[in-house]
Amino acid sequence: MPKLNGQDAAANAAKVTVVADALSSNQSKVSVAEDHVKAGESTTVTLVAKDAHGNAISGLSLSASLTGTASEGATRFQLDRKR
């Protein structure tokens, strides 16, 4: 067992918690399972959330909304992050 000042180093081991930084849209990825979705159909949208350093972010609660009409196509997909 390694010693520190004559005592077992493991007995005084520091606890470190690593926390991801804020969500980065440049590092994160949103993907949609289907290229086209018709009215009444559904699809899966997947978010791989990462911070600016490429670290995965977990524990997010997200809400999503899609705006636009069928004639003009969806114009915006918004994910709102809540912790």
N, C-alpha and C. Protein backbone atom coordinates (compact mmCIF):
# COMPACT_ATOMS: atom_id res chain seq x y z
N MET A 1 0.85 -1.18 0.00
CA MET A 1 0.00 0.00 0.00
C MET A 1 0.89 1.24 0.00
N PRO A 2 0.66 2.19 -0.91
CA PRO A 2 1.45 3.43 -0.90
C PRO A 2 1.21 4.21 0.39
N LYS A 3 2.23 4.91 0.81
CA LYS A 3 2.15 5.69 2.06
C LYS A 3 2.29 7.18 1.75
N LEU A 4 1.62 8.00 2.55
CA LEU A 4 1.73 9.45 2.49
C LEU A 4 1.89 9.93 3.92
N ASN A 5 3.04 10.54 4.22
CA ASN A 5 3.35 10.97 5.59
C ASN A 5 3.22 9.82 6.58
N GLY A 6 3.64 8.62 6.15
CA GLY A 6 3.62 7.47 7.04
C GLY A 6 2.28 6.78 7.17
N GLN A 7 1.23 7.27 6.50
CA GLN A 7 -0.10 6.68 6.58
C GLN A 7 -0.49 6.11 5.22
N ASP A 8 -1.40 5.13 5.24
CA ASP A 8 -1.89 4.57 3.98
C ASP A 8 -2.52 5.69 3.14
N ALA A 9 -2.04 5.84 1.91
CA ALA A 9 -2.55 6.90 1.04
C ALA A 9 -4.03 6.69 0.71
N ALA A 10 -4.46 5.44 0.57
CA ALA A 10 -5.84 5.16 0.22
C ALA A 10 -6.81 5.58 1.32
N ALA A 11 -6.36 5.60 2.55
CA ALA A 11 -7.23 5.98 3.67
C ALA A 11 -7.60 7.45 3.59
N ASN A 12 -6.76 8.25 2.94
CA ASN A 12 -7.02 9.68 2.83
C ASN A 12 -7.26 10.10 1.37
N ALA A 13 -7.75 9.17 0.58
CA ALA A 13 -7.94 9.45 -0.84
C ALA A 13 -8.98 10.55 -1.03
N ALA A 14 -8.68 11.45 -1.95
CA ALA A 14 -9.62 12.52 -2.27
C ALA A 14 -10.71 11.99 -3.19
N LYS A 15 -11.91 12.49 -3.01
CA LYS A 15 -13.01 12.15 -3.91
C LYS A 15 -13.17 13.29 -4.90
N VAL A 16 -13.19 12.95 -6.17
CA VAL A 16 -13.29 13.95 -7.22
C VAL A 16 -14.53 13.65 -8.05
N THR A 17 -15.33 14.68 -8.29
CA THR A 17 -16.49 14.55 -9.15
C THR A 17 -16.25 15.39 -10.40
N VAL A 18 -16.35 14.76 -11.55
CA VAL A 18 -16.17 15.46 -12.82
C VAL A 18 -17.55 15.75 -13.39
N VAL A 19 -17.79 17.01 -13.71
CA VAL A 19 -19.09 17.44 -14.22
C VAL A 19 -18.90 18.05 -15.61
N ALA A 20 -19.75 17.66 -16.54
CA ALA A 20 -19.68 18.22 -17.90
C ALA A 20 -20.01 19.70 -17.87
N ASP A 21 -19.47 20.43 -18.84
CA ASP A 21 -19.74 21.85 -19.00
C ASP A 21 -21.11 22.02 -19.67
N ALA A 22 -21.46 23.24 -20.03
CA ALA A 22 -22.75 23.53 -20.67
C ALA A 22 -22.85 22.83 -22.02
N LEU A 23 -24.07 22.54 -22.42
CA LEU A 23 -24.34 21.89 -23.69
C LEU A 23 -23.82 22.74 -24.85
N SER A 24 -23.16 22.09 -25.80
CA SER A 24 -22.62 22.77 -26.98
C SER A 24 -23.34 22.27 -28.22
N SER A 25 -23.94 23.18 -28.97
CA SER A 25 -24.61 22.78 -30.22
C SER A 25 -23.60 22.35 -31.28
N ASN A 26 -22.37 22.84 -31.19
CA ASN A 26 -21.34 22.45 -32.15
C ASN A 26 -20.86 21.02 -31.93
N GLN A 27 -20.85 20.55 -30.70
CA GLN A 27 -20.38 19.21 -30.37
C GLN A 27 -21.51 18.18 -30.32
N SER A 28 -22.73 18.63 -30.05
CA SER A 28 -23.87 17.73 -29.91
C SER A 28 -24.43 17.38 -31.28
N LYS A 29 -25.22 16.30 -31.31
CA LYS A 29 -25.78 15.85 -32.58
C LYS A 29 -27.24 15.46 -32.40
N VAL A 30 -28.08 15.95 -33.29
CA VAL A 30 -29.49 15.57 -33.34
C VAL A 30 -29.69 14.77 -34.62
N SER A 31 -30.30 13.60 -34.50
CA SER A 31 -30.58 12.80 -35.70
C SER A 31 -32.03 12.34 -35.68
N VAL A 32 -32.58 12.16 -36.85
CA VAL A 32 -33.97 11.74 -37.02
C VAL A 32 -33.96 10.41 -37.78
N ALA A 33 -34.75 9.46 -37.31
CA ALA A 33 -34.75 8.11 -37.89
C ALA A 33 -35.27 8.09 -39.34
N GLU A 34 -36.23 8.93 -39.64
CA GLU A 34 -36.83 8.95 -40.99
C GLU A 34 -36.56 10.28 -41.67
N ASP A 35 -36.33 10.23 -42.99
CA ASP A 35 -36.15 11.47 -43.74
C ASP A 35 -37.46 12.23 -43.92
N HIS A 36 -38.55 11.50 -44.10
CA HIS A 36 -39.86 12.11 -44.31
C HIS A 36 -40.86 11.46 -43.36
N VAL A 37 -41.72 12.27 -42.78
CA VAL A 37 -42.76 11.77 -41.88
C VAL A 37 -44.08 12.38 -42.34
N LYS A 38 -45.07 11.54 -42.59
CA LYS A 38 -46.39 12.00 -43.02
C LYS A 38 -47.26 12.28 -41.81
N ALA A 39 -48.32 13.05 -42.03
CA ALA A 39 -49.27 13.36 -40.96
C ALA A 39 -49.77 12.07 -40.33
N GLY A 40 -49.78 12.01 -39.02
CA GLY A 40 -50.24 10.84 -38.29
C GLY A 40 -49.16 9.81 -38.03
N GLU A 41 -48.01 9.94 -38.69
CA GLU A 41 -46.90 9.02 -38.46
C GLU A 41 -46.00 9.58 -37.36
N SER A 42 -45.13 8.74 -36.89
CA SER A 42 -44.17 9.19 -35.87
C SER A 42 -42.77 8.75 -36.26
N THR A 43 -41.80 9.33 -35.63
CA THR A 43 -40.41 8.97 -35.86
C THR A 43 -39.65 9.19 -34.56
N THR A 44 -38.43 8.74 -34.52
CA THR A 44 -37.60 8.91 -33.34
C THR A 44 -36.55 9.98 -33.61
N VAL A 45 -36.44 10.92 -32.68
CA VAL A 45 -35.41 11.96 -32.73
C VAL A 45 -34.43 11.65 -31.61
N THR A 46 -33.15 11.57 -31.93
CA THR A 46 -32.13 11.23 -30.95
C THR A 46 -31.18 12.41 -30.76
N LEU A 47 -30.92 12.75 -29.51
CA LEU A 47 -29.96 13.80 -29.18
C LEU A 47 -28.78 13.17 -28.47
N VAL A 48 -27.58 13.38 -29.00
CA VAL A 48 -26.34 13.02 -28.31
C VAL A 48 -25.78 14.34 -27.80
N ALA A 49 -25.97 14.60 -26.51
CA ALA A 49 -25.59 15.88 -25.92
C ALA A 49 -24.14 15.85 -25.44
N LYS A 50 -23.37 16.85 -25.87
CA LYS A 50 -21.97 16.96 -25.45
C LYS A 50 -21.66 18.41 -25.10
N ASP A 51 -20.65 18.59 -24.25
CA ASP A 51 -20.20 19.94 -23.94
C ASP A 51 -19.16 20.38 -24.97
N ALA A 52 -18.61 21.57 -24.80
CA ALA A 52 -17.65 22.13 -25.77
C ALA A 52 -16.38 21.31 -25.88
N HIS A 53 -16.11 20.46 -24.90
CA HIS A 53 -14.90 19.63 -24.90
C HIS A 53 -15.17 18.22 -25.41
N GLY A 54 -16.42 17.95 -25.84
CA GLY A 54 -16.78 16.64 -26.36
C GLY A 54 -17.18 15.64 -25.29
N ASN A 55 -17.34 16.11 -24.05
CA ASN A 55 -17.76 15.22 -22.96
C ASN A 55 -19.27 15.01 -23.02
N ALA A 56 -19.70 13.78 -22.85
CA ALA A 56 -21.13 13.47 -22.86
C ALA A 56 -21.83 14.13 -21.68
N ILE A 57 -23.04 14.60 -21.92
CA ILE A 57 -23.87 15.20 -20.87
C ILE A 57 -25.06 14.27 -20.66
N SER A 58 -25.28 13.87 -19.42
CA SER A 58 -26.41 12.99 -19.13
C SER A 58 -27.31 13.67 -18.11
N GLY A 59 -28.45 13.05 -17.86
CA GLY A 59 -29.37 13.56 -16.85
C GLY A 59 -30.18 14.76 -17.31
N LEU A 60 -30.28 14.97 -18.60
CA LEU A 60 -31.05 16.10 -19.11
C LEU A 60 -32.52 15.73 -19.22
N SER A 61 -33.36 16.69 -18.97
CA SER A 61 -34.79 16.55 -19.21
C SER A 61 -35.10 17.50 -20.36
N LEU A 62 -35.60 16.97 -21.45
CA LEU A 62 -35.81 17.78 -22.65
C LEU A 62 -37.27 17.83 -23.04
N SER A 63 -37.66 18.96 -23.58
CA SER A 63 -38.97 19.05 -24.22
C SER A 63 -38.71 19.49 -25.65
N ALA A 64 -39.54 19.07 -26.56
CA ALA A 64 -39.32 19.39 -27.97
C ALA A 64 -40.59 19.96 -28.58
N SER A 65 -40.40 20.83 -29.54
CA SER A 65 -41.53 21.34 -30.30
C SER A 65 -41.13 21.49 -31.75
N LEU A 66 -42.08 21.30 -32.63
CA LEU A 66 -41.85 21.40 -34.06
C LEU A 66 -42.83 22.42 -34.60
N THR A 67 -42.33 23.42 -35.32
CA THR A 67 -43.21 24.45 -35.85
C THR A 67 -43.19 24.40 -37.37
N GLY A 68 -44.22 24.94 -37.96
CA GLY A 68 -44.36 24.94 -39.41
C GLY A 68 -45.66 24.26 -39.78
N THR A 69 -46.04 24.33 -41.03
CA THR A 69 -47.27 23.69 -41.48
C THR A 69 -46.92 22.64 -42.53
N ALA A 70 -47.89 21.78 -42.81
CA ALA A 70 -47.65 20.72 -43.78
C ALA A 70 -47.33 21.29 -45.16
N SER A 71 -47.95 22.42 -45.51
CA SER A 71 -47.73 22.98 -46.85
C SER A 71 -46.35 23.61 -46.99
N GLU A 72 -45.82 24.16 -45.92
CA GLU A 72 -44.51 24.82 -46.02
C GLU A 72 -43.38 23.97 -45.47
N GLY A 73 -43.72 22.86 -44.83
CA GLY A 73 -42.69 22.03 -44.21
C GLY A 73 -42.33 22.57 -42.84
N ALA A 74 -41.81 21.71 -42.03
CA ALA A 74 -41.41 22.13 -40.69
C ALA A 74 -40.26 23.12 -40.82
N THR A 75 -40.36 24.21 -40.10
CA THR A 75 -39.34 25.24 -40.23
C THR A 75 -38.37 25.26 -39.07
N ARG A 76 -38.74 24.65 -37.96
CA ARG A 76 -37.85 24.73 -36.81
C ARG A 76 -38.11 23.58 -35.85
N PHE A 77 -37.04 23.03 -35.33
CA PHE A 77 -37.13 22.00 -34.30
C PHE A 77 -36.37 22.52 -33.10
N GLN A 78 -37.01 22.65 -31.97
CA GLN A 78 -36.40 23.25 -30.79
C GLN A 78 -36.34 22.25 -29.65
N LEU A 79 -35.17 22.13 -29.03
CA LEU A 79 -35.00 21.33 -27.81
C LEU A 79 -34.69 22.28 -26.68
N ASP A 80 -35.45 22.21 -25.62
CA ASP A 80 -35.22 23.05 -24.45
C ASP A 80 -34.63 22.21 -23.34
N ARG A 81 -33.47 22.61 -22.84
CA ARG A 81 -32.78 21.86 -21.79
C ARG A 81 -33.30 22.29 -20.43
N LYS A 82 -33.59 21.31 -19.61
CA LYS A 82 -34.00 21.56 -18.23
C LYS A 82 -33.20 20.63 -17.34
N ARG A 83 -32.63 21.14 -16.27
CA ARG A 83 -31.90 20.30 -15.32
C ARG A 83 -32.59 20.31 -14.01
